[in-house]
C-alpha atoms as a PDB file:
ATOM      1  CA  MET A   1       0.055  51.908  55.977  1.00  0.00           C
ATOM      2  CA  LYS A   2      -1.742  52.531  52.281  1.00  0.00           C
ATOM      3  CA  ASN A   3       2.084  54.226  50.818  1.00  0.00           C
ATOM      4  CA  CYS A   4       3.394  51.009  51.628  1.00  0.00           C
ATOM      5  CA  GLN A   5       1.006  49.213  49.397  1.00  0.00           C
ATOM      6  CA  LEU A   6       0.582  51.216  47.139  1.00  0.00           C
ATOM      7  CA  PRO A   7       3.802  49.634  44.950  1.00  0.00           C
ATOM      8  CA  ALA A   8       2.665  46.133  45.857  1.00  0.00           C
ATOM      9  CA  TYR A   9      -0.732  47.274  44.061  1.00  0.00           C
ATOM     10  CA  LEU A  10       0.984  48.611  41.047  1.00  0.00           C
ATOM     11  CA  THR A  11       3.421  45.420  40.307  1.00  0.00           C
ATOM     12  CA  ALA A  12       0.119  43.113  40.415  1.00  0.00           C
ATOM     13  CA  ALA A  13      -2.052  45.314  38.214  1.00  0.00           C
ATOM     14  CA  GLY A  14       1.555  45.284  35.569  1.00  0.00           C
ATOM     15  CA  LEU A  15       1.883  41.662  36.032  1.00  0.00           C
ATOM     16  CA  ALA A  16      -1.935  41.082  34.929  1.00  0.00           C
ATOM     17  CA  LEU A  17      -1.334  43.752  32.276  1.00  0.00           C
ATOM     18  CA  ALA A  18       1.618  41.980  31.258  1.00  0.00           C
ATOM     19  CA  LEU A  19       0.258  38.475  31.168  1.00  0.00           C
ATOM     20  CA  SER A  20      -3.063  39.919  29.432  1.00  0.00           C
ATOM     21  CA  THR A  21      -0.900  40.847  26.649  1.00  0.00           C
ATOM     22  CA  ALA A  22       1.153  37.767  26.248  1.00  0.00           C
ATOM     23  CA  CYS A  23      -2.334  35.475  26.404  1.00  0.00           C
ATOM     24  CA  MET A  24      -3.398  37.878  23.175  1.00  0.00           C
ATOM     25  CA  ALA A  25      -0.506  37.930  21.248  1.00  0.00           C
ATOM     26  CA  GLN A  26      -0.623  33.710  21.645  1.00  0.00           C
ATOM     27  CA  ASP A  27      -4.194  33.577  20.651  1.00  0.00           C
ATOM     28  CA  ASN A  28      -3.025  35.851  17.604  1.00  0.00           C
ATOM     29  CA  GLN A  29      -0.646  33.668  16.517  1.00  0.00           C
ATOM     30  CA  SER A  30      -2.109  29.874  17.027  1.00  0.00           C
ATOM     31  CA  PRO A  31      -2.865  28.277  13.928  1.00  0.00           C
ATOM     32  CA  LYS A  32      -6.812  29.207  12.396  1.00  0.00           C
ATOM     33  CA  PRO A  33      -8.650  26.459  10.781  1.00  0.00           C
ATOM     34  CA  ASP A  34      -7.704  26.476   7.372  1.00  0.00           C
ATOM     35  CA  THR A  35     -10.630  26.386   5.477  1.00  0.00           C
ATOM     36  CA  LYS A  36      -8.653  26.172   1.981  1.00  0.00           C
ATOM     37  CA  SER A  37      -7.380  22.873   3.017  1.00  0.00           C
ATOM     38  CA  ASN A  38     -10.745  21.518   4.181  1.00  0.00           C
ATOM     39  CA  VAL A  39     -12.074  22.074   0.595  1.00  0.00           C
ATOM     40  CA  ASP A  40      -9.390  20.459  -1.189  1.00  0.00           C
ATOM     41  CA  THR A  41      -9.888  17.394   0.989  1.00  0.00           C
ATOM     42  CA  ALA A  42     -13.514  17.348   0.329  1.00  0.00           C
ATOM     43  CA  GLN A  43     -12.839  17.716  -3.588  1.00  0.00           C
ATOM     44  CA  MET A  44     -10.094  14.765  -3.217  1.00  0.00           C
ATOM     45  CA  MET A  45     -12.667  12.561  -1.290  1.00  0.00           C
ATOM     46  CA  ALA A  46     -15.122  13.281  -3.779  1.00  0.00           C
ATOM     47  CA  ALA A  47     -13.027  12.614  -6.747  1.00  0.00           C
ATOM     48  CA  MET A  48     -11.707   9.623  -5.156  1.00  0.00           C
ATOM     49  CA  ALA A  49     -15.274   8.556  -5.096  1.00  0.00           C
ATOM     50  CA  GLU A  50     -16.301   9.004  -8.206  1.00  0.00           C
ATOM     51  CA  LEU A  51     -13.511   6.950  -9.837  1.00  0.00           C
ATOM     52  CA  ALA A  52     -14.278   4.028  -7.784  1.00  0.00           C
ATOM     53  CA  LYS A  53     -17.506   3.198  -9.632  1.00  0.00           C
ATOM     54  CA  PRO A  54     -18.182   1.189 -12.557  1.00  0.00           C
ATOM     55  CA  GLY A  55     -18.242   3.155 -15.974  1.00  0.00           C
ATOM     56  CA  GLU A  56     -18.876   1.951 -19.439  1.00  0.00           C
ATOM     57  CA  ASN A  57     -15.677   0.330 -20.179  1.00  0.00           C
ATOM     58  CA  HIS A  58     -17.119  -2.029 -16.952  1.00  0.00           C
ATOM     59  CA  LYS A  59     -20.171  -2.909 -18.945  1.00  0.00           C
ATOM     60  CA  LEU A  60     -17.689  -4.107 -22.160  1.00  0.00           C
ATOM     61  CA  LEU A  61     -16.399  -6.452 -19.625  1.00  0.00           C
ATOM     62  CA  GLU A  62     -19.845  -7.691 -18.225  1.00  0.00           C
ATOM     63  CA  THR A  63     -20.742  -8.930 -21.876  1.00  0.00           C
ATOM     64  CA  THR A  64     -18.003 -11.920 -21.046  1.00  0.00           C
ATOM     65  CA  THR A  65     -19.655 -12.820 -18.079  1.00  0.00           C
ATOM     66  CA  GLY A  66     -21.784 -16.283 -18.200  1.00  0.00           C
ATOM     67  CA  SER A  67     -20.512 -19.747 -19.615  1.00  0.00           C
ATOM     68  CA  TRP A  68     -18.893 -20.439 -22.900  1.00  0.00           C
ATOM     69  CA  THR A  69     -17.111 -23.405 -24.842  1.00  0.00           C
ATOM     70  CA  TYR A  70     -14.292 -22.322 -26.371  1.00  0.00           C
ATOM     71  CA  LYS A  71     -11.787 -23.827 -28.996  1.00  0.00           C
ATOM     72  CA  MET A  72      -8.071 -23.125 -29.286  1.00  0.00           C
ATOM     73  CA  LYS A  73      -5.420 -23.146 -31.784  1.00  0.00           C
ATOM     74  CA  TRP A  74      -1.427 -23.271 -30.448  1.00  0.00           C
ATOM     75  CA  TRP A  75       1.290 -23.007 -32.389  1.00  0.00           C
ATOM     76  CA  THR A  76       4.545 -24.483 -31.358  1.00  0.00           C
ATOM     77  CA  ALA A  77       6.402 -23.645 -33.831  1.00  0.00           C
ATOM     78  CA  PRO A  78       5.513 -20.710 -36.383  1.00  0.00           C
ATOM     79  CA  ASP A  79       5.641 -22.698 -39.313  1.00  0.00           C
ATOM     80  CA  GLY A  80       4.347 -25.818 -38.152  1.00  0.00           C
ATOM     81  CA  PRO A  81       0.525 -27.165 -37.876  1.00  0.00           C
ATOM     82  CA  PRO A  82      -1.529 -25.761 -34.751  1.00  0.00           C
ATOM     83  CA  MET A  83      -2.575 -28.460 -31.532  1.00  0.00           C
ATOM     84  CA  GLU A  84      -6.184 -28.014 -31.466  1.00  0.00           C
ATOM     85  CA  VAL A  85      -7.741 -27.861 -27.580  1.00  0.00           C
ATOM     86  CA  SER A  86     -11.532 -27.485 -26.884  1.00  0.00           C
ATOM     87  CA  GLY A  87     -12.790 -26.470 -23.218  1.00  0.00           C
ATOM     88  CA  THR A  88     -15.378 -24.294 -21.690  1.00  0.00           C
ATOM     89  CA  SER A  89     -14.581 -21.294 -19.833  1.00  0.00           C
ATOM     90  CA  THR A  90     -17.094 -19.310 -17.062  1.00  0.00           C
ATOM     91  CA  THR A  91     -17.088 -15.568 -16.209  1.00  0.00           C
ATOM     92  CA  LYS A  92     -18.500 -14.074 -13.050  1.00  0.00           C
ATOM     93  CA  SER A  93     -18.409 -10.551 -12.084  1.00  0.00           C
ATOM     94  CA  LEU A  94     -17.024  -9.112  -8.646  1.00  0.00           C
ATOM     95  CA  MET A  95     -17.269  -6.174  -6.458  1.00  0.00           C
ATOM     96  CA  ASP A  96     -20.009  -4.720  -8.000  1.00  0.00           C
ATOM     97  CA  GLY A  97     -19.292  -4.986 -11.286  1.00  0.00           C
ATOM     98  CA  ARG A  98     -15.497  -3.519 -10.837  1.00  0.00           C
ATOM     99  CA  TYR A  99     -14.043  -7.114 -11.810  1.00  0.00           C
ATOM    100  CA  PHE A 100     -14.501 -10.222 -14.044  1.00  0.00           C
ATOM    101  CA  VAL A 101     -12.694 -12.935 -13.217  1.00  0.00           C
ATOM    102  CA  SER A 102     -12.868 -15.921 -15.613  1.00  0.00           C
ATOM    103  CA  GLU A 103     -11.801 -19.547 -14.777  1.00  0.00           C
ATOM    104  CA  HIS A 104     -10.686 -21.805 -18.171  1.00  0.00           C
ATOM    105  CA  ALA A 105     -10.480 -26.119 -18.341  1.00  0.00           C
ATOM    106  CA  SER A 106      -9.535 -28.536 -20.719  1.00  0.00           C
ATOM    107  CA  LYS A 107      -7.282 -31.588 -21.836  1.00  0.00           C
ATOM    108  CA  MET A 108      -3.999 -29.923 -22.722  1.00  0.00           C
ATOM    109  CA  PRO A 109      -1.483 -32.229 -25.023  1.00  0.00           C
ATOM    110  CA  MET A 110       1.786 -32.071 -23.175  1.00  0.00           C
ATOM    111  CA  PRO A 111       4.862 -34.198 -22.308  1.00  0.00           C
ATOM    112  CA  GLY A 112       4.592 -37.332 -19.805  1.00  0.00           C
ATOM    113  CA  PRO A 113       7.376 -37.947 -17.411  1.00  0.00           C
ATOM    114  CA  ASP A 114       8.677 -40.427 -20.623  1.00  0.00           C
ATOM    115  CA  GLY A 115       8.515 -37.633 -23.181  1.00  0.00           C
ATOM    116  CA  LYS A 116       5.443 -38.889 -24.750  1.00  0.00           C
ATOM    117  CA  MET A 117       2.439 -37.069 -25.173  1.00  0.00           C
ATOM    118  CA  MET A 118      -0.512 -36.986 -23.072  1.00  0.00           C
ATOM    119  CA  ASP A 119      -3.510 -35.118 -22.078  1.00  0.00           C
ATOM    120  CA  MET A 120      -2.943 -32.982 -19.222  1.00  0.00           C
ATOM    121  CA  ASP A 121      -5.946 -30.651 -16.956  1.00  0.00           C
ATOM    122  CA  PHE A 122      -5.217 -27.458 -17.500  1.00  0.00           C
ATOM    123  CA  LYS A 123      -7.046 -24.837 -15.328  1.00  0.00           C
ATOM    124  CA  GLY A 124      -6.212 -21.276 -16.120  1.00  0.00           C
ATOM    125  CA  MET A 125      -7.661 -18.097 -14.163  1.00  0.00           C
ATOM    126  CA  SER A 126      -7.921 -14.556 -15.383  1.00  0.00           C
ATOM    127  CA  THR A 127      -8.568 -11.140 -13.934  1.00  0.00           C
ATOM    128  CA  GLU A 128     -10.086  -8.192 -16.193  1.00  0.00           C
ATOM    129  CA  GLY A 129     -11.146  -4.683 -14.954  1.00  0.00           C
ATOM    130  CA  TYR A 130     -10.807  -0.856 -15.883  1.00  0.00           C
ATOM    131  CA  ASP A 131      -8.239   2.033 -13.786  1.00  0.00           C
ATOM    132  CA  ASN A 132     -10.135   4.861 -13.772  1.00  0.00           C
ATOM    133  CA  VAL A 133      -7.154   6.304 -12.756  1.00  0.00           C
ATOM    134  CA  LYS A 134      -4.965   4.825 -15.548  1.00  0.00           C
ATOM    135  CA  LYS A 135      -7.722   4.860 -18.089  1.00  0.00           C
ATOM    136  CA  LYS A 136      -6.910   1.648 -18.922  1.00  0.00           C
ATOM    137  CA  PHE A 137      -7.912  -2.195 -19.070  1.00  0.00           C
ATOM    138  CA  VAL A 138      -5.922  -4.251 -17.232  1.00  0.00           C
ATOM    139  CA  ALA A 139      -5.902  -8.522 -17.054  1.00  0.00           C
ATOM    140  CA  SER A 140      -3.725 -10.996 -15.016  1.00  0.00           C
ATOM    141  CA  TRP A 141      -3.336 -14.402 -15.931  1.00  0.00           C
ATOM    142  CA  ILE A 142      -2.385 -17.796 -13.565  1.00  0.00           C
ATOM    143  CA  ASP A 143      -2.749 -21.545 -14.326  1.00  0.00           C
ATOM    144  CA  ASN A 144      -1.657 -24.485 -13.826  1.00  0.00           C
ATOM    145  CA  MET A 145       1.336 -25.034 -16.096  1.00  0.00           C
ATOM    146  CA  GLY A 146       3.709 -22.255 -13.751  1.00  0.00           C
ATOM    147  CA  THR A 147       3.326 -20.289 -10.783  1.00  0.00           C
ATOM    148  CA  GLY A 148       4.069 -16.623 -12.186  1.00  0.00           C
ATOM    149  CA  ILE A 149       1.543 -14.191 -12.993  1.00  0.00           C
ATOM    150  CA  MET A 150       1.555 -12.237 -16.068  1.00  0.00           C
ATOM    151  CA  LEU A 151      -0.011  -8.502 -16.004  1.00  0.00           C
ATOM    152  CA  MET A 152      -1.204  -6.999 -18.382  1.00  0.00           C
ATOM    153  CA  GLU A 153      -2.551  -3.289 -19.201  1.00  0.00           C
ATOM    154  CA  GLY A 154      -4.922  -2.174 -22.705  1.00  0.00           C
ATOM    155  CA  THR A 155      -6.730  -0.103 -24.465  1.00  0.00           C
ATOM    156  CA  TYR A 156     -10.158  -0.364 -26.555  1.00  0.00           C
ATOM    157  CA  ASP A 157     -10.788   0.364 -29.902  1.00  0.00           C
ATOM    158  CA  ALA A 158     -14.722   0.629 -30.316  1.00  0.00           C
ATOM    159  CA  ALA A 159     -14.817   1.304 -34.414  1.00  0.00           C
ATOM    160  CA  SER A 160     -13.058  -2.422 -34.459  1.00  0.00           C
ATOM    161  CA  LYS A 161     -14.949  -3.889 -31.291  1.00  0.00           C
ATOM    162  CA  LYS A 162     -11.326  -4.533 -30.288  1.00  0.00           C
ATOM    163  CA  LEU A 163      -9.532  -5.063 -26.919  1.00  0.00           C
ATOM    164  CA  THR A 164      -5.263  -4.771 -27.149  1.00  0.00           C
ATOM    165  CA  TYR A 165      -3.875  -5.569 -23.987  1.00  0.00           C
ATOM    166  CA  LEU A 166       0.362  -5.989 -23.686  1.00  0.00           C
ATOM    167  CA  GLY A 167       2.439  -7.032 -21.158  1.00  0.00           C
ATOM    168  CA  GLU A 168       5.348  -9.514 -20.444  1.00  0.00           C
ATOM    169  CA  GLU A 169       5.868 -13.342 -19.235  1.00  0.00           C
ATOM    170  CA  GLU A 170       9.391 -14.835 -18.080  1.00  0.00           C
ATOM    171  CA  PRO A 171       8.773 -18.171 -18.966  1.00  0.00           C
ATOM    172  CA  MET A 172      12.220 -19.144 -17.501  1.00  0.00           C
ATOM    173  CA  PRO A 173      14.740 -17.391 -15.023  1.00  0.00           C
ATOM    174  CA  GLY A 174      15.728 -14.233 -17.304  1.00  0.00           C
ATOM    175  CA  MET A 175      14.006 -15.092 -20.066  1.00  0.00           C
ATOM    176  CA  LYS A 176      11.647 -11.901 -20.361  1.00  0.00           C
ATOM    177  CA  MET A 177       8.909 -12.106 -23.401  1.00  0.00           C
ATOM    178  CA  LYS A 178       6.845  -9.063 -24.754  1.00  0.00           C
ATOM    179  CA  VAL A 179       3.481 -10.445 -25.664  1.00  0.00           C
ATOM    180  CA  ARG A 180       0.416  -8.971 -27.038  1.00  0.00           C
ATOM    181  CA  GLN A 181      -3.159  -9.909 -26.416  1.00  0.00           C
ATOM    182  CA  THR A 182      -6.062  -8.771 -28.524  1.00  0.00           C
ATOM    183  CA  ILE A 183     -10.019 -10.095 -28.296  1.00  0.00           C
ATOM    184  CA  ILE A 184     -12.506  -9.080 -30.737  1.00  0.00           C
ATOM    185  CA  PHE A 185     -15.975  -8.921 -29.270  1.00  0.00           C
ATOM    186  CA  THR A 186     -17.873 -10.475 -32.400  1.00  0.00           C
ATOM    187  CA  ASP A 187     -21.208  -9.924 -30.848  1.00  0.00           C
ATOM    188  CA  LYS A 188     -23.132 -10.904 -27.590  1.00  0.00           C
ATOM    189  CA  ASP A 189     -22.632 -14.510 -28.039  1.00  0.00           C
ATOM    190  CA  HIS A 190     -19.149 -14.652 -29.711  1.00  0.00           C
ATOM    191  CA  ARG A 191     -15.587 -13.832 -29.868  1.00  0.00           C
ATOM    192  CA  VAL A 192     -11.882 -14.152 -30.491  1.00  0.00           C
ATOM    193  CA  MET A 193      -9.141 -13.961 -28.533  1.00  0.00           C
ATOM    194  CA  GLU A 194      -5.031 -14.177 -30.153  1.00  0.00           C
ATOM    195  CA  TYR A 195      -1.788 -14.207 -28.645  1.00  0.00           C
ATOM    196  CA  TYR A 196       1.552 -13.122 -29.539  1.00  0.00           C
ATOM    197  CA  GLU A 197       4.639 -13.158 -28.335  1.00  0.00           C
ATOM    198  CA  LEU A 198       7.761 -10.863 -29.668  1.00  0.00           C
ATOM    199  CA  ARG A 199      10.499 -13.155 -30.394  1.00  0.00           C
ATOM    200  CA  GLY A 200      14.041 -12.708 -31.665  1.00  0.00           C
ATOM    201  CA  THR A 201      12.929 -12.674 -35.173  1.00  0.00           C
ATOM    202  CA  GLY A 202       9.924 -10.701 -34.275  1.00  0.00           C
ATOM    203  CA  GLU A 203       6.284 -11.057 -33.258  1.00  0.00           C
ATOM    204  CA  VAL A 204       4.527 -14.836 -33.421  1.00  0.00           C
ATOM    205  CA  LYS A 205       1.010 -15.942 -33.226  1.00  0.00           C
ATOM    206  CA  VAL A 206       1.271 -18.376 -30.577  1.00  0.00           C
ATOM    207  CA  MET A 207      -2.447 -19.557 -29.658  1.00  0.00           C
ATOM    208  CA  ALA A 208      -5.967 -18.505 -31.325  1.00  0.00           C
ATOM    209  CA  ILE A 209      -8.953 -18.971 -29.161  1.00  0.00           C
ATOM    210  CA  GLU A 210     -12.913 -18.850 -30.423  1.00  0.00           C
ATOM    211  CA  TYR A 211     -15.418 -18.275 -27.650  1.00  0.00           C
ATOM    212  CA  ASN A 212     -18.862 -19.646 -27.946  1.00  0.00           C
ATOM    213  CA  ARG A 213     -22.100 -18.792 -25.307  1.00  0.00           C
ATOM    214  CA  THR A 214     -23.796 -21.488 -24.158  1.00  0.00           C
ATOM    215  CA  ASN A 215     -25.940 -19.661 -21.682  1.00  0.00           C
END
């Protein structure tokens, strides 16, 4: 009886040993935690957190917060006399100093339904910020004289206190035009903006605005 049970016992023991060996092999082949990947992810998250912080360039834009009056000269023809307009502007900080929104309002002389010039309510809004990833100032502009959104990117020269934006506008379908906008921060209570369009004959000055702080 014992002799009959021995082969069965040996077979069971062999199976157990085979299963044990297979399990050990599987354990050896199982993926282990990727320590380097975890470190890389942590470093990336730390870098992203640092890039999300407002910095010195945001402080430059912060100087525009408050209420302002402005005087604008607007050229419809390069060699013609400019139209002059006065208005008001307010700038506020958003999202802990990451972005700055300005609202402009004035009476703008525009052709009426009969073709005659008449004062129309003008409203415009800009958003400015500094993109720490691109290492550039970024801006957008919308107003009630159109339906598009103009986007610009810029750089700042500390020596001349000048912020220069470059962008593109499309006032009519297919009529894309390069634009350049400069802002000189004269002092904490004054700044000057100039706006240029690149036309067929070259760059043309279209607008100049002098801002004066009221509070």
